[in-house]
């Protein structure tokens, strides 16, 4: 049985690129490429986290007061939604490895649905901030700043808030597109025990997106 399984994995596949000798080699290269891409994404977000740390150190009272203007309840709901989506994405990878076609399609669909709900809630938050006038620094006048606890740099907090959550939202949209592509291929029956690389690599990307939010939520909503 072991020999047969090994032989099946090594067998030529219509999904294996010509420059790879085996399916294992293609899988390892794809996994490495995705990890390298994720490192660049971490560095990308890292710059914003550094900016947050610097400005919060310079103006701690402004950040603490401005954070109170965010809706912690909506932020917490979105956190639960993304954690759920991470579970369904991991389950989708497992279903693809086991050849469970129906489970794969359901899990990918649930992940996309959760991502759309997340964006919808984030849109509600953005709408509230827009109507309340809590925008980025250049949109603040001295009178507006005074309404936010009397600190003239409250716009700095919201500049960082919109930059960090906005960039994260863009990654959510990219994730929906990538998972949607995997879902369409799943409906064609492309994935199974011998080939599940796209599901696995897209899953890694989605877990990073979820992980970034796990840091954003306490920093912006709880700590301020």
N, C-alpha and C. Protein backbone atom coordinates (compact mmCIF):
# COMPACT_ATOMS: atom_id res chain seq x y z
N UNK A 1 0.82 -1.21 0.00
CA UNK A 1 0.00 0.00 0.00
C UNK A 1 0.86 1.26 0.00
N UNK A 2 1.91 1.27 0.83
CA UNK A 2 2.79 2.44 0.90
C UNK A 2 3.46 2.69 -0.44
N UNK A 3 3.92 1.60 -1.07
CA UNK A 3 4.57 1.73 -2.37
C UNK A 3 3.61 2.27 -3.41
N UNK A 4 2.33 1.79 -3.33
CA UNK A 4 1.34 2.25 -4.29
C UNK A 4 1.04 3.75 -4.10
N UNK A 5 0.94 4.15 -2.81
CA UNK A 5 0.67 5.57 -2.55
C UNK A 5 1.81 6.44 -3.04
N UNK A 6 3.05 6.00 -2.80
CA UNK A 6 4.22 6.76 -3.25
C UNK A 6 4.24 6.85 -4.77
N UNK A 7 3.88 5.76 -5.40
CA UNK A 7 3.87 5.75 -6.86
C UNK A 7 2.82 6.71 -7.41
N UNK A 8 1.66 6.75 -6.72
CA UNK A 8 0.59 7.64 -7.18
C UNK A 8 1.00 9.09 -7.06
N UNK A 9 1.72 9.41 -5.95
CA UNK A 9 2.15 10.79 -5.75
C UNK A 9 3.18 11.20 -6.78
N UNK A 10 4.04 10.25 -7.16
CA UNK A 10 5.10 10.54 -8.10
C UNK A 10 4.62 10.53 -9.55
N UNK A 11 3.42 10.05 -9.77
CA UNK A 11 2.94 9.88 -11.14
C UNK A 11 2.81 11.24 -11.84
N UNK A 12 3.02 11.29 -13.16
CA UNK A 12 2.87 12.54 -13.90
C UNK A 12 1.46 13.07 -13.73
N UNK A 13 1.33 14.39 -13.66
CA UNK A 13 0.03 15.01 -13.49
C UNK A 13 -0.12 16.15 -14.48
N UNK A 14 -1.35 16.37 -14.94
CA UNK A 14 -1.59 17.47 -15.87
C UNK A 14 -1.40 18.82 -15.19
N UNK A 15 -1.30 18.81 -13.86
CA UNK A 15 -1.10 20.04 -13.13
C UNK A 15 0.36 20.30 -12.79
N UNK A 16 1.23 19.37 -13.12
CA UNK A 16 2.65 19.55 -12.80
C UNK A 16 3.34 20.28 -13.95
N UNK A 17 4.00 21.39 -13.61
CA UNK A 17 4.72 22.16 -14.62
C UNK A 17 5.88 21.37 -15.18
N UNK A 18 6.26 21.67 -16.41
CA UNK A 18 7.26 20.85 -17.11
C UNK A 18 8.64 20.94 -16.47
N UNK A 19 8.93 22.04 -15.75
CA UNK A 19 10.28 22.20 -15.20
C UNK A 19 10.44 21.54 -13.83
N UNK A 20 9.41 20.83 -13.37
CA UNK A 20 9.52 20.06 -12.13
C UNK A 20 9.56 18.57 -12.46
N UNK A 21 10.48 17.87 -11.81
CA UNK A 21 10.62 16.44 -12.09
C UNK A 21 9.55 15.62 -11.40
N UNK A 22 9.14 16.03 -10.19
CA UNK A 22 8.15 15.27 -9.44
C UNK A 22 7.11 16.22 -8.85
N UNK A 23 6.00 15.64 -8.44
CA UNK A 23 4.96 16.42 -7.78
C UNK A 23 5.46 16.97 -6.45
N UNK A 24 6.28 16.17 -5.74
CA UNK A 24 6.82 16.63 -4.46
C UNK A 24 7.70 17.86 -4.64
N UNK A 25 8.48 17.87 -5.70
CA UNK A 25 9.36 19.00 -5.96
C UNK A 25 8.54 20.26 -6.24
N UNK A 26 7.48 20.11 -7.02
CA UNK A 26 6.63 21.26 -7.31
C UNK A 26 5.95 21.76 -6.04
N UNK A 27 5.48 20.84 -5.20
CA UNK A 27 4.82 21.23 -3.96
C UNK A 27 5.79 21.97 -3.04
N UNK A 28 7.02 21.46 -2.91
CA UNK A 28 8.01 22.09 -2.05
C UNK A 28 8.37 23.49 -2.56
N UNK A 29 8.51 23.62 -3.88
CA UNK A 29 8.86 24.92 -4.46
C UNK A 29 7.73 25.93 -4.26
N UNK A 30 6.50 25.47 -4.44
CA UNK A 30 5.35 26.35 -4.24
C UNK A 30 5.24 26.80 -2.79
N UNK A 31 5.47 25.87 -1.88
CA UNK A 31 5.40 26.18 -0.45
C UNK A 31 6.49 27.19 -0.08
N UNK A 32 7.69 26.97 -0.59
CA UNK A 32 8.80 27.89 -0.30
C UNK A 32 8.50 29.27 -0.87
N UNK A 33 8.00 29.31 -2.10
CA UNK A 33 7.67 30.59 -2.71
C UNK A 33 6.63 31.35 -1.92
N UNK A 34 5.61 30.65 -1.42
CA UNK A 34 4.58 31.31 -0.63
C UNK A 34 5.14 31.82 0.69
N UNK A 35 6.00 31.05 1.34
CA UNK A 35 6.61 31.50 2.59
C UNK A 35 7.47 32.74 2.38
N UNK A 36 8.20 32.79 1.26
CA UNK A 36 9.00 33.97 0.96
C UNK A 36 8.10 35.19 0.72
N UNK A 37 7.00 34.97 0.03
CA UNK A 37 6.04 36.06 -0.19
C UNK A 37 5.45 36.55 1.13
N UNK A 38 5.14 35.62 2.01
CA UNK A 38 4.58 36.00 3.31
C UNK A 38 5.57 36.79 4.14
N UNK A 39 6.86 36.48 4.00
CA UNK A 39 7.89 37.25 4.71
C UNK A 39 7.86 38.71 4.25
N UNK A 40 7.72 38.92 2.94
CA UNK A 40 7.65 40.30 2.43
C UNK A 40 6.39 41.00 2.93
N UNK A 41 5.31 40.26 3.08
CA UNK A 41 4.08 40.84 3.60
C UNK A 41 4.25 41.25 5.08
N UNK A 42 4.95 40.41 5.83
CA UNK A 42 5.22 40.73 7.24
C UNK A 42 6.05 42.01 7.33
N UNK A 43 7.06 42.13 6.46
CA UNK A 43 7.88 43.34 6.44
C UNK A 43 7.04 44.56 6.05
N UNK A 44 6.11 44.35 5.13
CA UNK A 44 5.24 45.43 4.66
C UNK A 44 4.39 45.96 5.82
N UNK A 45 3.71 45.05 6.51
CA UNK A 45 2.90 45.46 7.65
C UNK A 45 3.77 45.92 8.81
N UNK A 46 5.00 45.38 8.89
CA UNK A 46 5.90 45.75 9.97
C UNK A 46 6.18 47.24 10.01
N UNK A 47 6.29 47.87 8.85
CA UNK A 47 6.52 49.30 8.80
C UNK A 47 5.40 50.08 9.45
N UNK A 48 4.16 49.63 9.23
CA UNK A 48 3.02 50.29 9.85
C UNK A 48 2.99 50.07 11.36
N UNK A 49 3.37 48.87 11.79
CA UNK A 49 3.42 48.60 13.22
C UNK A 49 4.48 49.46 13.90
N UNK A 50 5.59 49.68 13.21
CA UNK A 50 6.63 50.56 13.75
C UNK A 50 6.10 51.99 13.85
N UNK A 51 5.40 52.45 12.82
CA UNK A 51 4.82 53.80 12.85
C UNK A 51 3.85 53.93 14.02
N UNK A 52 3.04 52.89 14.22
CA UNK A 52 2.10 52.90 15.35
C UNK A 52 2.87 53.04 16.66
N UNK A 53 3.92 52.24 16.83
CA UNK A 53 4.68 52.26 18.08
C UNK A 53 5.32 53.63 18.33
N UNK A 54 5.86 54.22 17.27
CA UNK A 54 6.53 55.52 17.41
C UNK A 54 5.54 56.61 17.81
N UNK A 55 4.43 56.71 17.08
CA UNK A 55 3.46 57.77 17.36
C UNK A 55 2.73 57.55 18.68
N UNK A 56 2.52 56.29 19.03
CA UNK A 56 1.87 56.06 20.32
C UNK A 56 2.80 56.43 21.47
N UNK A 57 4.10 56.20 21.29
CA UNK A 57 5.06 56.58 22.31
C UNK A 57 5.12 58.10 22.47
N UNK A 58 5.01 58.82 21.35
CA UNK A 58 5.06 60.28 21.38
C UNK A 58 3.78 60.89 21.93
N UNK A 59 2.64 60.25 21.63
CA UNK A 59 1.35 60.82 22.04
C UNK A 59 0.46 59.73 22.66
N UNK A 60 0.84 59.15 23.78
CA UNK A 60 0.05 58.06 24.37
C UNK A 60 -1.36 58.46 24.76
N UNK A 61 -1.52 59.68 25.31
CA UNK A 61 -2.85 60.12 25.74
C UNK A 61 -3.79 60.32 24.56
N UNK A 62 -3.25 60.77 23.43
CA UNK A 62 -4.07 60.95 22.23
C UNK A 62 -4.58 59.60 21.73
N UNK A 63 -3.72 58.62 21.70
CA UNK A 63 -4.10 57.30 21.21
C UNK A 63 -5.13 56.65 22.13
N UNK A 64 -4.94 56.79 23.44
CA UNK A 64 -5.88 56.18 24.38
C UNK A 64 -7.25 56.82 24.27
N UNK A 65 -7.32 58.13 24.14
CA UNK A 65 -8.60 58.83 24.02
C UNK A 65 -9.25 58.57 22.67
N UNK A 66 -8.47 58.54 21.63
CA UNK A 66 -9.03 58.32 20.28
C UNK A 66 -9.53 56.90 20.12
N UNK A 67 -8.85 55.94 20.76
CA UNK A 67 -9.28 54.54 20.65
C UNK A 67 -10.68 54.34 21.22
N UNK A 68 -11.08 55.18 22.16
CA UNK A 68 -12.40 55.07 22.75
C UNK A 68 -13.51 55.40 21.75
N UNK A 69 -13.14 56.04 20.66
CA UNK A 69 -14.12 56.38 19.62
C UNK A 69 -14.40 55.21 18.69
N UNK A 70 -13.60 54.14 18.78
CA UNK A 70 -13.83 52.96 17.96
C UNK A 70 -14.85 52.05 18.62
N UNK A 71 -15.58 51.31 17.81
CA UNK A 71 -16.60 50.38 18.32
C UNK A 71 -15.95 49.03 18.62
N UNK A 72 -15.64 48.81 19.89
CA UNK A 72 -14.97 47.58 20.29
C UNK A 72 -15.83 46.36 20.00
N UNK A 73 -17.14 46.51 20.12
CA UNK A 73 -18.05 45.39 19.88
C UNK A 73 -17.94 44.91 18.43
N UNK A 74 -17.95 45.84 17.48
CA UNK A 74 -17.82 45.45 16.07
C UNK A 74 -16.45 44.86 15.80
N UNK A 75 -15.42 45.42 16.43
CA UNK A 75 -14.08 44.87 16.25
C UNK A 75 -13.98 43.45 16.77
N UNK A 76 -14.63 43.18 17.91
CA UNK A 76 -14.60 41.84 18.49
C UNK A 76 -15.36 40.85 17.61
N UNK A 77 -16.52 41.30 17.07
CA UNK A 77 -17.28 40.43 16.18
C UNK A 77 -16.45 40.07 14.95
N UNK A 78 -15.76 41.05 14.38
CA UNK A 78 -14.92 40.77 13.22
C UNK A 78 -13.77 39.83 13.57
N UNK A 79 -13.26 39.92 14.78
CA UNK A 79 -12.20 39.02 15.20
C UNK A 79 -12.70 37.58 15.22
N UNK A 80 -13.89 37.38 15.78
CA UNK A 80 -14.48 36.04 15.83
C UNK A 80 -14.73 35.52 14.41
N UNK A 81 -15.20 36.40 13.54
CA UNK A 81 -15.48 36.00 12.15
C UNK A 81 -14.21 35.54 11.45
N UNK A 82 -13.10 36.27 11.63
CA UNK A 82 -11.85 35.88 10.98
C UNK A 82 -11.28 34.61 11.57
N UNK A 83 -11.43 34.43 12.88
CA UNK A 83 -10.98 33.17 13.49
C UNK A 83 -11.77 31.99 12.92
N UNK A 84 -13.06 32.20 12.73
CA UNK A 84 -13.90 31.16 12.13
C UNK A 84 -13.45 30.87 10.70
N UNK A 85 -13.14 31.93 9.94
CA UNK A 85 -12.70 31.75 8.56
C UNK A 85 -11.37 31.02 8.48
N UNK A 86 -10.52 31.26 9.48
CA UNK A 86 -9.23 30.55 9.51
C UNK A 86 -9.46 29.06 9.74
N UNK A 87 -10.44 28.74 10.59
CA UNK A 87 -10.79 27.34 10.84
C UNK A 87 -11.32 26.68 9.58
N UNK A 88 -12.24 27.35 8.89
CA UNK A 88 -12.82 26.75 7.69
C UNK A 88 -11.77 26.61 6.58
N UNK A 89 -10.81 27.55 6.52
CA UNK A 89 -9.76 27.44 5.51
C UNK A 89 -8.85 26.27 5.80
N UNK A 90 -8.50 26.08 7.08
CA UNK A 90 -7.66 24.94 7.46
C UNK A 90 -8.39 23.63 7.19
N UNK A 91 -9.69 23.64 7.43
CA UNK A 91 -10.51 22.45 7.17
C UNK A 91 -10.58 22.17 5.68
N UNK A 92 -10.63 23.23 4.88
CA UNK A 92 -10.65 23.07 3.43
C UNK A 92 -9.38 22.39 2.94
N UNK A 93 -8.24 22.81 3.49
CA UNK A 93 -6.97 22.18 3.12
C UNK A 93 -7.00 20.69 3.45
N UNK A 94 -7.52 20.38 4.64
CA UNK A 94 -7.59 18.97 5.05
C UNK A 94 -8.52 18.18 4.14
N UNK A 95 -9.65 18.76 3.77
CA UNK A 95 -10.58 18.08 2.87
C UNK A 95 -9.94 17.81 1.52
N UNK A 96 -9.14 18.76 1.02
CA UNK A 96 -8.48 18.54 -0.26
C UNK A 96 -7.46 17.41 -0.16
N UNK A 97 -6.79 17.32 0.97
CA UNK A 97 -5.81 16.26 1.15
C UNK A 97 -6.46 14.88 1.23
N UNK A 98 -7.68 14.85 1.76
CA UNK A 98 -8.40 13.58 1.91
C UNK A 98 -9.30 13.26 0.72
N UNK A 99 -9.37 14.21 -0.22
CA UNK A 99 -10.22 13.98 -1.39
C UNK A 99 -11.70 14.14 -1.10
N UNK A 100 -12.05 14.90 -0.07
CA UNK A 100 -13.45 15.11 0.30
C UNK A 100 -13.97 16.34 -0.46
N UNK A 101 -14.46 16.10 -1.64
CA UNK A 101 -14.84 17.17 -2.56
C UNK A 101 -15.93 18.07 -1.98
N UNK A 102 -16.97 17.49 -1.46
CA UNK A 102 -18.09 18.28 -0.94
C UNK A 102 -17.64 19.14 0.23
N UNK A 103 -16.88 18.55 1.12
CA UNK A 103 -16.39 19.30 2.28
C UNK A 103 -15.49 20.45 1.86
N UNK A 104 -14.67 20.23 0.84
CA UNK A 104 -13.78 21.27 0.34
C UNK A 104 -14.57 22.47 -0.18
N UNK A 105 -15.58 22.19 -0.99
CA UNK A 105 -16.39 23.27 -1.56
C UNK A 105 -17.13 24.03 -0.46
N UNK A 106 -17.69 23.31 0.50
CA UNK A 106 -18.42 23.96 1.59
C UNK A 106 -17.50 24.85 2.42
N UNK A 107 -16.33 24.34 2.77
CA UNK A 107 -15.40 25.10 3.60
C UNK A 107 -14.88 26.35 2.88
N UNK A 108 -14.57 26.22 1.60
CA UNK A 108 -14.12 27.40 0.85
C UNK A 108 -15.23 28.44 0.73
N UNK A 109 -16.46 27.97 0.53
CA UNK A 109 -17.60 28.89 0.43
C UNK A 109 -17.82 29.61 1.75
N UNK A 110 -17.71 28.89 2.86
CA UNK A 110 -17.88 29.50 4.17
C UNK A 110 -16.78 30.53 4.45
N UNK A 111 -15.56 30.24 3.99
CA UNK A 111 -14.46 31.17 4.18
C UNK A 111 -14.71 32.47 3.43
N UNK A 112 -15.16 32.36 2.19
CA UNK A 112 -15.47 33.55 1.40
C UNK A 112 -16.61 34.33 2.03
N UNK A 113 -17.64 33.62 2.49
CA UNK A 113 -18.78 34.28 3.12
C UNK A 113 -18.34 35.06 4.36
N UNK A 114 -17.50 34.43 5.19
CA UNK A 114 -17.01 35.10 6.40
C UNK A 114 -16.20 36.34 6.04
N UNK A 115 -15.39 36.25 4.99
CA UNK A 115 -14.58 37.40 4.57
C UNK A 115 -15.46 38.55 4.11
N UNK A 116 -16.53 38.24 3.38
CA UNK A 116 -17.44 39.28 2.91
C UNK A 116 -18.16 39.94 4.09
N UNK A 117 -18.57 39.13 5.08
CA UNK A 117 -19.21 39.69 6.27
C UNK A 117 -18.23 40.61 7.00
N UNK A 118 -16.97 40.19 7.10
CA UNK A 118 -15.95 41.02 7.73
C UNK A 118 -15.86 42.38 7.05
N UNK A 119 -15.79 42.38 5.73
CA UNK A 119 -15.69 43.64 4.99
C UNK A 119 -16.95 44.49 5.17
N UNK A 120 -18.11 43.84 5.26
CA UNK A 120 -19.35 44.57 5.46
C UNK A 120 -19.35 45.30 6.80
N UNK A 121 -18.90 44.61 7.85
CA UNK A 121 -18.83 45.23 9.18
C UNK A 121 -17.79 46.34 9.19
N UNK A 122 -16.67 46.11 8.53
CA UNK A 122 -15.64 47.16 8.46
C UNK A 122 -16.17 48.37 7.69
N UNK A 123 -16.98 48.14 6.67
CA UNK A 123 -17.59 49.25 5.94
C UNK A 123 -18.52 50.06 6.84
N UNK A 124 -19.25 49.38 7.70
CA UNK A 124 -20.13 50.08 8.65
C UNK A 124 -19.29 50.95 9.58
N UNK A 125 -18.17 50.40 10.06
CA UNK A 125 -17.28 51.18 10.93
C UNK A 125 -16.74 52.41 10.21
N UNK A 126 -16.28 52.22 9.00
CA UNK A 126 -15.76 53.35 8.21
C UNK A 126 -16.84 54.42 8.01
N UNK A 127 -18.06 53.98 7.74
CA UNK A 127 -19.16 54.91 7.53
C UNK A 127 -19.42 55.74 8.79
N UNK A 128 -19.38 55.08 9.94
CA UNK A 128 -19.59 55.80 11.20
C UNK A 128 -18.51 56.86 11.40
N UNK A 129 -17.27 56.47 11.15
CA UNK A 129 -16.16 57.42 11.36
C UNK A 129 -16.25 58.58 10.37
N UNK A 130 -16.70 58.30 9.17
CA UNK A 130 -16.81 59.35 8.16
C UNK A 130 -17.87 60.37 8.58
N UNK A 131 -19.02 59.88 9.01
CA UNK A 131 -20.09 60.79 9.40
C UNK A 131 -19.78 61.53 10.69
N UNK A 132 -18.97 60.93 11.56
CA UNK A 132 -18.60 61.58 12.81
C UNK A 132 -17.44 62.56 12.61
N UNK A 133 -16.82 62.50 11.44
CA UNK A 133 -15.70 63.41 11.16
C UNK A 133 -14.38 62.97 11.72
N UNK A 134 -14.28 61.69 12.09
CA UNK A 134 -13.03 61.18 12.64
C UNK A 134 -12.22 60.57 11.50
N UNK A 135 -11.45 61.42 10.82
CA UNK A 135 -10.72 61.00 9.64
C UNK A 135 -9.23 61.15 9.87
N UNK A 136 -8.47 61.10 8.78
CA UNK A 136 -7.02 61.18 8.88
C UNK A 136 -6.60 62.61 9.21
N UNK A 137 -5.32 62.78 9.54
CA UNK A 137 -4.82 64.03 10.12
C UNK A 137 -5.11 65.26 9.26
N UNK A 138 -4.96 65.16 7.95
CA UNK A 138 -5.12 66.33 7.09
C UNK A 138 -6.55 66.84 7.07
N UNK A 139 -7.51 66.02 7.52
CA UNK A 139 -8.91 66.42 7.50
C UNK A 139 -9.34 67.12 8.78
N UNK A 140 -8.42 67.22 9.77
CA UNK A 140 -8.76 67.81 11.05
C UNK A 140 -8.44 69.30 11.07
N UNK A 141 -9.36 70.06 11.58
CA UNK A 141 -9.08 71.44 11.93
C UNK A 141 -8.88 71.48 13.43
N UNK A 142 -8.42 72.59 13.96
CA UNK A 142 -8.20 72.66 15.40
C UNK A 142 -9.50 72.46 16.15
N UNK A 143 -10.62 72.92 15.58
CA UNK A 143 -11.90 72.74 16.24
C UNK A 143 -12.31 71.30 16.28
N UNK A 144 -12.07 70.56 15.19
CA UNK A 144 -12.41 69.15 15.16
C UNK A 144 -11.60 68.39 16.19
N UNK A 145 -10.32 68.70 16.28
CA UNK A 145 -9.45 67.98 17.19
C UNK A 145 -9.89 68.19 18.63
N UNK A 146 -10.39 69.39 18.93
CA UNK A 146 -10.81 69.67 20.29
C UNK A 146 -11.96 68.79 20.70
N UNK A 147 -12.78 68.38 19.74
CA UNK A 147 -13.91 67.52 20.07
C UNK A 147 -13.49 66.12 20.43
N UNK A 148 -12.23 65.76 20.17
CA UNK A 148 -11.74 64.44 20.49
C UNK A 148 -10.88 64.53 21.75
N UNK A 149 -11.50 64.95 22.83
CA UNK A 149 -10.81 64.98 24.10
C UNK A 149 -9.81 66.11 24.23
N UNK A 150 -9.82 67.08 23.32
CA UNK A 150 -8.95 68.23 23.45
C UNK A 150 -7.54 68.02 22.97
N UNK A 151 -7.27 66.99 22.20
CA UNK A 151 -5.92 66.75 21.72
C UNK A 151 -5.83 67.11 20.25
N UNK A 152 -4.84 67.94 19.90
CA UNK A 152 -4.76 68.46 18.55
C UNK A 152 -4.12 67.49 17.57
N UNK A 153 -3.78 66.30 18.02
CA UNK A 153 -3.18 65.31 17.11
C UNK A 153 -4.02 64.05 17.03
N UNK A 154 -5.29 64.16 17.30
CA UNK A 154 -6.16 62.98 17.23
C UNK A 154 -6.18 62.40 15.82
N UNK A 155 -6.01 63.27 14.81
CA UNK A 155 -6.00 62.78 13.43
C UNK A 155 -4.87 61.83 13.15
N UNK A 156 -3.80 61.91 13.93
CA UNK A 156 -2.67 60.99 13.75
C UNK A 156 -3.12 59.56 14.01
N UNK A 157 -3.90 59.38 15.07
CA UNK A 157 -4.40 58.04 15.39
C UNK A 157 -5.24 57.49 14.25
N UNK A 158 -6.16 58.32 13.73
CA UNK A 158 -7.04 57.84 12.68
C UNK A 158 -6.32 57.67 11.35
N UNK A 159 -5.25 58.41 11.14
CA UNK A 159 -4.43 58.18 9.95
C UNK A 159 -3.84 56.78 9.99
N UNK A 160 -3.29 56.41 11.15
CA UNK A 160 -2.72 55.08 11.32
C UNK A 160 -3.81 54.02 11.28
N UNK A 161 -4.95 54.32 11.89
CA UNK A 161 -6.07 53.37 11.91
C UNK A 161 -6.53 53.05 10.48
N UNK A 162 -6.75 54.10 9.67
CA UNK A 162 -7.22 53.86 8.30
C UNK A 162 -6.14 53.21 7.44
N UNK A 163 -4.87 53.56 7.68
CA UNK A 163 -3.79 52.96 6.89
C UNK A 163 -3.68 51.46 7.19
N UNK A 164 -3.71 51.11 8.47
CA UNK A 164 -3.52 49.71 8.85
C UNK A 164 -4.74 48.86 8.51
N UNK A 165 -5.92 49.32 8.88
CA UNK A 165 -7.12 48.53 8.59
C UNK A 165 -7.47 48.56 7.11
N UNK A 166 -7.15 49.68 6.43
CA UNK A 166 -7.41 49.76 5.00
C UNK A 166 -6.54 48.80 4.21
N UNK A 167 -5.25 48.75 4.57
CA UNK A 167 -4.34 47.82 3.91
C UNK A 167 -4.76 46.38 4.19
N UNK A 168 -5.19 46.14 5.42
CA UNK A 168 -5.66 44.79 5.76
C UNK A 168 -6.90 44.43 4.95
N UNK A 169 -7.81 45.41 4.76
CA UNK A 169 -9.02 45.15 3.98
C UNK A 169 -8.68 44.82 2.52
N UNK A 170 -7.66 45.49 1.98
CA UNK A 170 -7.22 45.19 0.62
C UNK A 170 -6.73 43.74 0.53
N UNK A 171 -6.03 43.30 1.56
CA UNK A 171 -5.56 41.91 1.58
C UNK A 171 -6.74 40.93 1.71
N UNK A 172 -7.79 41.35 2.41
CA UNK A 172 -8.98 40.52 2.50
C UNK A 172 -9.61 40.35 1.12
N UNK A 173 -9.70 41.45 0.37
CA UNK A 173 -10.26 41.40 -0.99
C UNK A 173 -9.42 40.48 -1.88
N UNK A 174 -8.09 40.60 -1.77
CA UNK A 174 -7.20 39.72 -2.54
C UNK A 174 -7.41 38.27 -2.13
N UNK A 175 -7.61 38.05 -0.84
CA UNK A 175 -7.85 36.69 -0.35
C UNK A 175 -9.14 36.12 -0.89
N UNK A 176 -10.19 36.95 -0.95
CA UNK A 176 -11.47 36.49 -1.51
C UNK A 176 -11.29 36.07 -2.97
N UNK A 177 -10.52 36.87 -3.72
CA UNK A 177 -10.28 36.54 -5.13
C UNK A 177 -9.52 35.22 -5.25
N UNK A 178 -8.49 35.04 -4.42
CA UNK A 178 -7.68 33.82 -4.48
C UNK A 178 -8.50 32.59 -4.07
N UNK A 179 -9.26 32.73 -3.00
CA UNK A 179 -10.08 31.60 -2.56
C UNK A 179 -11.18 31.30 -3.57
N UNK A 180 -11.71 32.37 -4.20
CA UNK A 180 -12.72 32.16 -5.24
C UNK A 180 -12.16 31.37 -6.41
N UNK A 181 -10.90 31.67 -6.78
CA UNK A 181 -10.24 30.92 -7.85
C UNK A 181 -10.08 29.45 -7.47
N UNK A 182 -9.68 29.21 -6.23
CA UNK A 182 -9.53 27.83 -5.75
C UNK A 182 -10.89 27.13 -5.72
N UNK A 183 -11.93 27.88 -5.32
CA UNK A 183 -13.28 27.29 -5.27
C UNK A 183 -13.74 26.86 -6.66
N UNK A 184 -13.52 27.70 -7.66
CA UNK A 184 -13.92 27.33 -9.02
C UNK A 184 -13.21 26.07 -9.49
N UNK A 185 -11.92 25.97 -9.16
CA UNK A 185 -11.19 24.76 -9.53
C UNK A 185 -11.68 23.55 -8.74
N UNK A 186 -12.10 23.81 -7.51
CA UNK A 186 -12.62 22.71 -6.69
C UNK A 186 -13.91 22.15 -7.29
N UNK A 187 -14.73 23.04 -7.82
CA UNK A 187 -15.98 22.60 -8.44
C UNK A 187 -15.71 21.74 -9.67
N UNK A 188 -14.55 21.94 -10.29
CA UNK A 188 -14.16 21.11 -11.45
C UNK A 188 -13.55 19.79 -11.00
N UNK A 189 -13.29 19.66 -9.71
CA UNK A 189 -12.69 18.44 -9.20
C UNK A 189 -11.19 18.35 -9.42
N UNK A 190 -10.51 19.50 -9.43
CA UNK A 190 -9.07 19.51 -9.70
C UNK A 190 -8.23 18.98 -8.53
N UNK A 191 -8.75 19.05 -7.32
CA UNK A 191 -7.92 18.76 -6.16
C UNK A 191 -8.26 17.41 -5.52
N UNK A 192 -7.24 16.80 -4.97
CA UNK A 192 -7.38 15.52 -4.30
C UNK A 192 -6.11 15.17 -3.56
N UNK A 193 -6.00 13.96 -3.06
CA UNK A 193 -4.82 13.56 -2.29
C UNK A 193 -3.50 13.74 -3.04
N UNK A 194 -3.52 13.64 -4.36
CA UNK A 194 -2.29 13.75 -5.13
C UNK A 194 -1.97 15.17 -5.59
N UNK A 195 -2.92 16.08 -5.43
CA UNK A 195 -2.68 17.46 -5.85
C UNK A 195 -3.60 18.41 -5.09
N UNK A 196 -3.01 19.16 -4.18
CA UNK A 196 -3.77 20.13 -3.39
C UNK A 196 -2.95 21.40 -3.12
N UNK A 197 -1.88 21.59 -3.89
CA UNK A 197 -0.96 22.70 -3.66
C UNK A 197 -1.64 24.07 -3.63
N UNK A 198 -2.49 24.42 -4.61
CA UNK A 198 -3.12 25.75 -4.56
C UNK A 198 -3.95 25.98 -3.30
N UNK A 199 -4.66 24.95 -2.85
CA UNK A 199 -5.46 25.10 -1.64
C UNK A 199 -4.56 25.37 -0.45
N UNK A 200 -3.47 24.66 -0.38
CA UNK A 200 -2.53 24.79 0.74
C UNK A 200 -1.87 26.17 0.77
N UNK A 201 -1.39 26.63 -0.39
CA UNK A 201 -0.68 27.91 -0.44
C UNK A 201 -1.63 29.09 -0.21
N UNK A 202 -2.82 29.03 -0.79
CA UNK A 202 -3.81 30.09 -0.53
C UNK A 202 -4.21 30.08 0.95
N UNK A 203 -4.27 28.88 1.52
CA UNK A 203 -4.57 28.78 2.94
C UNK A 203 -3.53 29.47 3.80
N UNK A 204 -2.25 29.33 3.44
CA UNK A 204 -1.19 30.01 4.18
C UNK A 204 -1.36 31.53 4.11
N UNK A 205 -1.68 32.03 2.94
CA UNK A 205 -1.91 33.47 2.79
C UNK A 205 -3.06 33.93 3.68
N UNK A 206 -4.13 33.16 3.67
CA UNK A 206 -5.30 33.56 4.46
C UNK A 206 -5.00 33.55 5.96
N UNK A 207 -4.22 32.61 6.40
CA UNK A 207 -3.86 32.56 7.82
C UNK A 207 -3.04 33.79 8.21
N UNK A 208 -2.18 34.27 7.31
CA UNK A 208 -1.42 35.49 7.60
C UNK A 208 -2.37 36.69 7.73
N UNK A 209 -3.34 36.78 6.83
CA UNK A 209 -4.31 37.88 6.89
C UNK A 209 -5.04 37.85 8.23
N UNK A 210 -5.44 36.66 8.66
CA UNK A 210 -6.12 36.53 9.95
C UNK A 210 -5.18 36.92 11.10
N UNK A 211 -3.94 36.49 11.01
CA UNK A 211 -2.98 36.77 12.07
C UNK A 211 -2.73 38.27 12.22
N UNK A 212 -2.65 38.98 11.11
CA UNK A 212 -2.44 40.42 11.17
C UNK A 212 -3.58 41.09 11.94
N UNK A 213 -4.81 40.65 11.68
CA UNK A 213 -5.94 41.24 12.40
C UNK A 213 -5.88 40.93 13.90
N UNK A 214 -5.38 39.77 14.25
CA UNK A 214 -5.26 39.40 15.67
C UNK A 214 -4.38 40.41 16.39
N UNK A 215 -3.42 41.00 15.69
CA UNK A 215 -2.58 42.05 16.28
C UNK A 215 -3.26 43.42 16.19
N UNK A 216 -3.95 43.68 15.08
CA UNK A 216 -4.57 44.99 14.89
C UNK A 216 -5.68 45.24 15.91
N UNK A 217 -6.47 44.24 16.19
CA UNK A 217 -7.63 44.43 17.07
C UNK A 217 -7.22 44.93 18.47
N UNK A 218 -6.33 44.26 19.18
CA UNK A 218 -5.97 44.78 20.50
C UNK A 218 -5.21 46.10 20.44
N UNK A 219 -4.33 46.28 19.44
CA UNK A 219 -3.55 47.51 19.36
C UNK A 219 -4.43 48.73 19.13
N UNK A 220 -5.40 48.61 18.24
CA UNK A 220 -6.21 49.77 17.87
C UNK A 220 -7.46 49.93 18.76
N UNK A 221 -8.10 48.81 19.09
CA UNK A 221 -9.39 48.88 19.78
C UNK A 221 -9.25 48.80 21.31
N UNK A 222 -8.30 48.03 21.79
CA UNK A 222 -8.21 47.79 23.24
C UNK A 222 -7.13 48.63 23.93
N UNK A 223 -5.96 48.69 23.32
CA UNK A 223 -4.86 49.43 23.93
C UNK A 223 -4.92 50.89 23.54
N UNK A 224 -5.11 51.13 22.20
CA UNK A 224 -5.20 52.50 21.72
C UNK A 224 -3.87 53.20 21.70
